[in-house]
Amino acid sequence: MGNVPAHKVEEIEPLILSKGASVLYQSPYSPDSPNYLLSTKEYLLRFQ
């Protein structure tokens, strides 16, 4: 699940687990990757 505060409400995880599913949280957002985003944008623009 994402790091949205609504996903971290105490009642959510037990509900998911009660259905036999697992709960995996994403790693925290890292704002130090603008170069990666720029290269992705440039790559996608090639196909326009």
PDB file of N, CA and C in Angstrom:
ATOM      1  N   MET A   1       0.852  -1.175   0.000  1.00  0.00           N
ATOM      2  CA  MET A   1       0.000   0.000   0.000  1.00  0.00           C
ATOM      3  C   MET A   1       0.890   1.227   0.000  1.00  0.00           C
ATOM      4  N   GLY A   2       0.332   2.310  -0.442  1.00  0.00           N
ATOM      5  CA  GLY A   2       1.062   3.566  -0.456  1.00  0.00           C
ATOM      6  C   GLY A   2       1.195   4.138   0.938  1.00  0.00           C
ATOM      7  N   ASN A   3       1.844   5.247   1.033  1.00  0.00           N
ATOM      8  CA  ASN A   3       2.073   5.888   2.326  1.00  0.00           C
ATOM      9  C   ASN A   3       1.031   6.952   2.640  1.00  0.00           C
ATOM     10  N   VAL A   4      -0.138   6.836   2.029  1.00  0.00           N
ATOM     11  CA  VAL A   4      -1.235   7.760   2.289  1.00  0.00           C
ATOM     12  C   VAL A   4      -1.709   7.537   3.726  1.00  0.00           C
ATOM     13  N   PRO A   5      -1.932   8.601   4.496  1.00  0.00           N
ATOM     14  CA  PRO A   5      -2.378   8.417   5.881  1.00  0.00           C
ATOM     15  C   PRO A   5      -3.620   7.526   6.023  1.00  0.00           C
ATOM     16  N   ALA A   6      -4.502   7.556   5.043  1.00  0.00           N
ATOM     17  CA  ALA A   6      -5.710   6.711   5.122  1.00  0.00           C
ATOM     18  C   ALA A   6      -5.369   5.229   5.110  1.00  0.00           C
ATOM     19  N   HIS A   7      -4.237   4.864   4.536  1.00  0.00           N
ATOM     20  CA  HIS A   7      -3.835   3.461   4.501  1.00  0.00           C
ATOM     21  C   HIS A   7      -3.256   2.990   5.821  1.00  0.00           C
ATOM     22  N   LYS A   8      -2.968   3.918   6.711  1.00  0.00           N
ATOM     23  CA  LYS A   8      -2.321   3.560   7.975  1.00  0.00           C
ATOM     24  C   LYS A   8      -3.270   3.633   9.165  1.00  0.00           C
ATOM     25  N   VAL A   9      -4.557   3.697   8.901  1.00  0.00           N
ATOM     26  CA  VAL A   9      -5.544   3.672   9.970  1.00  0.00           C
ATOM     27  C   VAL A   9      -5.475   2.293  10.623  1.00  0.00           C
ATOM     28  N   GLU A  10      -5.530   2.245  11.933  1.00  0.00           N
ATOM     29  CA  GLU A  10      -5.340   0.986  12.667  1.00  0.00           C
ATOM     30  C   GLU A  10      -6.297  -0.119  12.238  1.00  0.00           C
ATOM     31  N   GLU A  11      -7.499   0.224  11.805  1.00  0.00           N
ATOM     32  CA  GLU A  11      -8.492  -0.792  11.465  1.00  0.00           C
ATOM     33  C   GLU A  11      -8.265  -1.428  10.095  1.00  0.00           C
ATOM     34  N   ILE A  12      -7.467  -0.819   9.239  1.00  0.00           N
ATOM     35  CA  ILE A  12      -7.307  -1.296   7.868  1.00  0.00           C
ATOM     36  C   ILE A  12      -6.530  -2.610   7.789  1.00  0.00           C
ATOM     37  N   GLU A  13      -5.381  -2.677   8.435  1.00  0.00           N
ATOM     38  CA  GLU A  13      -4.539  -3.871   8.331  1.00  0.00           C
ATOM     39  C   GLU A  13      -5.247  -5.137   8.815  1.00  0.00           C
ATOM     40  N   PRO A  14      -5.933  -5.139   9.965  1.00  0.00           N
ATOM     41  CA  PRO A  14      -6.638  -6.355  10.371  1.00  0.00           C
ATOM     42  C   PRO A  14      -7.728  -6.781   9.377  1.00  0.00           C
ATOM     43  N   LEU A  15      -8.392  -5.828   8.737  1.00  0.00           N
ATOM     44  CA  LEU A  15      -9.407  -6.176   7.746  1.00  0.00           C
ATOM     45  C   LEU A  15      -8.784  -6.887   6.549  1.00  0.00           C
ATOM     46  N   ILE A  16      -7.656  -6.398   6.113  1.00  0.00           N
ATOM     47  CA  ILE A  16      -6.970  -7.017   4.978  1.00  0.00           C
ATOM     48  C   ILE A  16      -6.482  -8.411   5.360  1.00  0.00           C
ATOM     49  N   LEU A  17      -5.865  -8.523   6.526  1.00  0.00           N
ATOM     50  CA  LEU A  17      -5.360  -9.815   6.984  1.00  0.00           C
ATOM     51  C   LEU A  17      -6.477 -10.827   7.193  1.00  0.00           C
ATOM     52  N   SER A  18      -7.655 -10.366   7.617  1.00  0.00           N
ATOM     53  CA  SER A  18      -8.779 -11.279   7.853  1.00  0.00           C
ATOM     54  C   SER A  18      -9.279 -11.925   6.566  1.00  0.00           C
ATOM     55  N   LYS A  19      -8.960 -11.343   5.432  1.00  0.00           N
ATOM     56  CA  LYS A  19      -9.355 -11.897   4.135  1.00  0.00           C
ATOM     57  C   LYS A  19      -8.278 -12.797   3.544  1.00  0.00           C
ATOM     58  N   GLY A  20      -7.185 -12.993   4.290  1.00  0.00           N
ATOM     59  CA  GLY A  20      -6.115 -13.876   3.843  1.00  0.00           C
ATOM     60  C   GLY A  20      -5.077 -13.189   2.971  1.00  0.00           C
ATOM     61  N   ALA A  21      -5.133 -11.894   2.883  1.00  0.00           N
ATOM     62  CA  ALA A  21      -4.167 -11.146   2.071  1.00  0.00           C
ATOM     63  C   ALA A  21      -3.013 -10.654   2.943  1.00  0.00           C
ATOM     64  N   SER A  22      -1.942 -10.272   2.301  1.00  0.00           N
ATOM     65  CA  SER A  22      -0.781  -9.714   2.999  1.00  0.00           C
ATOM     66  C   SER A  22      -0.787  -8.198   2.858  1.00  0.00           C
ATOM     67  N   VAL A  23      -0.128  -7.548   3.782  1.00  0.00           N
ATOM     68  CA  VAL A  23      -0.004  -6.095   3.730  1.00  0.00           C
ATOM     69  C   VAL A  23       1.464  -5.755   3.514  1.00  0.00           C
ATOM     70  N   LEU A  24       1.739  -5.077   2.411  1.00  0.00           N
ATOM     71  CA  LEU A  24       3.085  -4.612   2.111  1.00  0.00           C
ATOM     72  C   LEU A  24       3.014  -3.119   1.869  1.00  0.00           C
ATOM     73  N   TYR A  25       3.846  -2.375   2.556  1.00  0.00           N
ATOM     74  CA  TYR A  25       3.877  -0.930   2.382  1.00  0.00           C
ATOM     75  C   TYR A  25       5.011  -0.556   1.444  1.00  0.00           C
ATOM     76  N   GLN A  26       4.811   0.471   0.634  1.00  0.00           N
ATOM     77  CA  GLN A  26       5.858   0.964  -0.247  1.00  0.00           C
ATOM     78  C   GLN A  26       6.903   1.688   0.585  1.00  0.00           C
ATOM     79  N   SER A  27       8.112   1.752   0.053  1.00  0.00           N
ATOM     80  CA  SER A  27       9.145   2.510   0.744  1.00  0.00           C
ATOM     81  C   SER A  27       8.787   3.996   0.679  1.00  0.00           C
ATOM     82  N   PRO A  28       9.298   4.783   1.601  1.00  0.00           N
ATOM     83  CA  PRO A  28       8.987   6.217   1.602  1.00  0.00           C
ATOM     84  C   PRO A  28       9.398   6.884   0.292  1.00  0.00           C
ATOM     85  N   TYR A  29       8.678   7.919  -0.058  1.00  0.00           N
ATOM     86  CA  TYR A  29       8.964   8.678  -1.279  1.00  0.00           C
ATOM     87  C   TYR A  29      10.345   9.308  -1.183  1.00  0.00           C
ATOM     88  N   SER A  30      11.079   9.214  -2.253  1.00  0.00           N
ATOM     89  CA  SER A  30      12.417   9.799  -2.287  1.00  0.00           C
ATOM     90  C   SER A  30      12.457  10.899  -3.342  1.00  0.00           C
ATOM     91  N   PRO A  31      12.491  12.157  -2.918  1.00  0.00           N
ATOM     92  CA  PRO A  31      12.483  13.255  -3.887  1.00  0.00           C
ATOM     93  C   PRO A  31      13.817  13.474  -4.601  1.00  0.00           C
ATOM     94  N   ASP A  32      14.784  12.617  -4.362  1.00  0.00           N
ATOM     95  CA  ASP A  32      16.105  12.821  -4.958  1.00  0.00           C
ATOM     96  C   ASP A  32      16.251  12.128  -6.313  1.00  0.00           C
ATOM     97  N   SER A  33      15.143  11.930  -7.031  1.00  0.00           N
ATOM     98  CA  SER A  33      15.240  11.236  -8.302  1.00  0.00           C
ATOM     99  C   SER A  33      14.710  12.048  -9.487  1.00  0.00           C
ATOM    100  N   PRO A  34      14.960  13.353  -9.565  1.00  0.00           N
ATOM    101  CA  PRO A  34      14.442  14.121 -10.697  1.00  0.00           C
ATOM    102  C   PRO A  34      15.098  13.722 -12.016  1.00  0.00           C
ATOM    103  N   ASN A  35      16.349  13.267 -11.983  1.00  0.00           N
ATOM    104  CA  ASN A  35      17.011  12.844 -13.214  1.00  0.00           C
ATOM    105  C   ASN A  35      16.320  11.624 -13.815  1.00  0.00           C
ATOM    106  N   TYR A  36      15.903  10.722 -12.985  1.00  0.00           N
ATOM    107  CA  TYR A  36      15.178   9.546 -13.465  1.00  0.00           C
ATOM    108  C   TYR A  36      13.861   9.971 -14.115  1.00  0.00           C
ATOM    109  N   LEU A  37      13.156  10.887 -13.464  1.00  0.00           N
ATOM    110  CA  LEU A  37      11.883  11.339 -14.022  1.00  0.00           C
ATOM    111  C   LEU A  37      12.089  12.080 -15.337  1.00  0.00           C
ATOM    112  N   LEU A  38      13.126  12.863 -15.429  1.00  0.00           N
ATOM    113  CA  LEU A  38      13.408  13.595 -16.651  1.00  0.00           C
ATOM    114  C   LEU A  38      13.729  12.625 -17.784  1.00  0.00           C
ATOM    115  N   SER A  39      14.555  11.626 -17.507  1.00  0.00           N
ATOM    116  CA  SER A  39      14.900  10.672 -18.560  1.00  0.00           C
ATOM    117  C   SER A  39      13.684   9.866 -18.990  1.00  0.00           C
ATOM    118  N   THR A  40      12.787   9.563 -18.078  1.00  0.00           N
ATOM    119  CA  THR A  40      11.558   8.856 -18.425  1.00  0.00           C
ATOM    120  C   THR A  40      10.688   9.727 -19.320  1.00  0.00           C
ATOM    121  N   LYS A  41      10.578  11.001 -18.990  1.00  0.00           N
ATOM    122  CA  LYS A  41       9.780  11.925 -19.791  1.00  0.00           C
ATOM    123  C   LYS A  41      10.365  12.033 -21.199  1.00  0.00           C
ATOM    124  N   GLU A  42      11.676  12.186 -21.300  1.00  0.00           N
ATOM    125  CA  GLU A  42      12.324  12.278 -22.609  1.00  0.00           C
ATOM    126  C   GLU A  42      12.084  11.005 -23.420  1.00  0.00           C
ATOM    127  N   TYR A  43      12.157   9.861 -22.780  1.00  0.00           N
ATOM    128  CA  TYR A  43      11.933   8.588 -23.454  1.00  0.00           C
ATOM    129  C   TYR A  43      10.503   8.515 -23.994  1.00  0.00           C
ATOM    130  N   LEU A  44       9.548   8.886 -23.177  1.00  0.00           N
ATOM    131  CA  LEU A  44       8.146   8.813 -23.597  1.00  0.00           C
ATOM    132  C   LEU A  44       7.836   9.800 -24.713  1.00  0.00           C
ATOM    133  N   LEU A  45       8.487  10.952 -24.701  1.00  0.00           N
ATOM    134  CA  LEU A  45       8.246  11.955 -25.736  1.00  0.00           C
ATOM    135  C   LEU A  45       8.719  11.487 -27.117  1.00  0.00           C
ATOM    136  N   ARG A  46       9.606  10.533 -27.168  1.00  0.00           N
ATOM    137  CA  ARG A  46      10.079  10.004 -28.454  1.00  0.00           C
ATOM    138  C   ARG A  46       8.949   9.350 -29.242  1.00  0.00           C
ATOM    139  N   PHE A  47       7.920   8.869 -28.565  1.00  0.00           N
ATOM    140  CA  PHE A  47       6.864   8.110 -29.210  1.00  0.00           C
ATOM    141  C   PHE A  47       5.665   8.957 -29.609  1.00  0.00           C
ATOM    142  N   GLN A  48       5.764  10.256 -29.459  1.00  0.00           N
ATOM    143  CA  GLN A  48       4.647  11.118 -29.851  1.00  0.00           C
ATOM    144  C   GLN A  48       4.648  11.376 -31.321  1.00  0.00           C
TER     145      GLN A  48
END
